[in-house]
Amino acid sequence: MSYVPRGMPARFMEGAPSIVRKSIIDMIRIDPPAPLDFDVCFRDVDCGEMSGLDFDRDGARGCHFFLKPHEMRAYRERNRRKRVAWADLPRDTQTAILSYLESDNG
């Protein structure tokens, strides 16, 4: 049986563009920030792994991380209380996420 990720609850995606709602399954605040502030988990499954990417509050992009689907599920469950709504992300972070999604899917 394969893992089909659920997206975030609708209240966390209010005001998010459709490309964000379609591509992102979770946005998690890293506390304390080490070294960046947010982990963004993507819906894609490639070669049996799911990907994520770190972003900073000033829009800087960190490095990708890759987890097997069952690891991603556990990571999301473990951090569900640190979930961040799209509207609560800093404007620079929103812009960086949008430009990343548009460049990858463009």
Protein backbone atom coordinates (compact mmCIF):
# COMPACT_ATOMS: atom_id res chain seq x y z
CA MET A 1 0.00 0.00 0.00
CA SER A 2 1.43 3.40 -0.94
CA TYR A 3 1.18 6.57 1.10
CA VAL A 4 -1.04 9.24 -0.44
CA PRO A 5 -0.34 12.44 1.49
CA ARG A 6 -3.17 14.58 2.70
CA GLY A 7 -2.81 18.28 2.34
CA MET A 8 -2.93 20.76 5.18
CA PRO A 9 -6.31 21.70 6.64
CA ALA A 10 -8.05 24.37 4.55
CA ARG A 11 -7.73 27.06 7.22
CA PHE A 12 -3.92 26.92 6.85
CA MET A 13 -4.14 27.48 3.09
CA GLU A 14 -6.53 30.47 3.13
CA GLY A 15 -5.33 33.09 0.68
CA ALA A 16 -2.71 30.80 -0.87
CA PRO A 17 -2.42 30.76 -4.68
CA SER A 18 -3.63 27.60 -6.41
CA ILE A 19 -0.08 26.46 -7.25
CA VAL A 20 0.70 26.45 -3.51
CA ARG A 21 -2.48 24.52 -2.61
CA LYS A 22 -1.72 22.01 -5.35
CA SER A 23 1.99 21.49 -4.60
CA ILE A 24 2.50 21.81 -0.84
CA ILE A 25 1.30 19.36 1.78
CA ASP A 26 2.82 21.02 4.85
CA MET A 27 4.61 24.11 6.11
CA ILE A 28 6.31 23.71 9.47
CA ARG A 29 7.96 26.32 11.69
CA ILE A 30 11.36 25.19 12.93
CA ASP A 31 11.76 26.25 16.55
CA PRO A 32 14.42 27.17 17.40
CA PRO A 33 15.44 28.07 13.83
CA ALA A 34 18.35 25.90 12.80
CA PRO A 35 19.58 27.51 10.57
CA LEU A 36 16.40 28.42 8.63
CA ASP A 37 12.88 29.08 9.91
CA PHE A 38 10.47 26.94 7.86
CA ASP A 39 10.32 23.47 6.30
CA VAL A 40 8.04 23.16 3.29
CA CYS A 41 6.96 19.63 2.33
CA PHE A 42 5.91 18.94 -1.25
CA ARG A 43 3.30 16.55 -2.63
CA ASP A 44 5.59 14.98 -5.23
CA VAL A 45 6.80 11.40 -4.91
CA ASP A 46 9.84 10.69 -7.07
CA CYS A 47 11.80 7.44 -7.00
CA GLY A 48 9.97 6.44 -3.82
CA GLU A 49 10.93 9.60 -1.92
CA MET A 50 9.14 12.82 -1.01
CA SER A 51 10.92 16.15 -0.90
CA GLY A 52 10.99 19.21 1.25
CA LEU A 53 12.90 22.48 1.24
CA ASP A 54 13.99 24.92 3.95
CA PHE A 55 13.16 28.62 3.73
CA ASP A 56 14.17 31.57 5.90
CA ARG A 57 11.96 34.46 6.94
CA ASP A 58 13.89 36.78 4.62
CA GLY A 59 13.22 34.54 1.61
CA ALA A 60 16.54 32.69 1.56
CA ARG A 61 16.30 29.12 0.37
CA GLY A 62 18.16 26.32 2.11
CA CYS A 63 18.68 22.78 0.99
CA HIS A 64 16.34 20.03 -0.05
CA PHE A 65 15.62 17.09 2.18
CA PHE A 66 14.27 13.75 1.01
CA LEU A 67 12.24 11.27 3.03
CA LYS A 68 10.59 7.99 2.25
CA PRO A 69 6.79 8.33 2.30
CA HIS A 70 6.43 6.66 5.72
CA GLU A 71 9.16 8.93 7.11
CA MET A 72 7.41 12.02 5.71
CA ARG A 73 4.15 10.89 7.30
CA ALA A 74 5.88 10.47 10.67
CA TYR A 75 7.69 13.83 10.31
CA ARG A 76 4.43 15.63 9.55
CA GLU A 77 2.59 13.92 12.40
CA ARG A 78 5.37 14.69 14.88
CA ASN A 79 5.38 18.38 13.87
CA ARG A 80 1.69 19.02 13.23
CA ARG A 81 1.46 21.49 16.12
CA LYS A 82 4.21 23.58 14.51
CA ARG A 83 2.21 23.97 11.27
CA VAL A 84 2.17 27.48 9.81
CA ALA A 85 -0.65 29.08 7.85
CA TRP A 86 0.16 30.66 4.49
CA ALA A 87 -1.11 34.03 5.74
CA ASP A 88 1.26 33.87 8.74
CA LEU A 89 4.39 33.38 6.64
CA PRO A 90 6.51 36.50 6.13
CA ARG A 91 5.93 38.15 2.73
CA ASP A 92 9.53 37.41 1.63
CA THR A 93 9.07 33.72 2.43
CA GLN A 94 5.81 33.59 0.47
CA THR A 95 7.51 35.22 -2.52
CA ALA A 96 10.44 32.78 -2.36
CA ILE A 97 8.09 29.76 -2.20
CA LEU A 98 6.05 31.05 -5.15
CA SER A 99 9.12 31.71 -7.28
CA TYR A 100 10.47 28.23 -6.48
CA LEU A 101 7.17 26.56 -7.44
CA GLU A 102 6.79 28.63 -10.61
CA SER A 103 10.37 27.95 -11.74
CA ASP A 104 10.08 24.22 -11.10
CA ASN A 105 6.66 23.88 -12.70
CA GLY A 106 7.07 26.49 -15.41
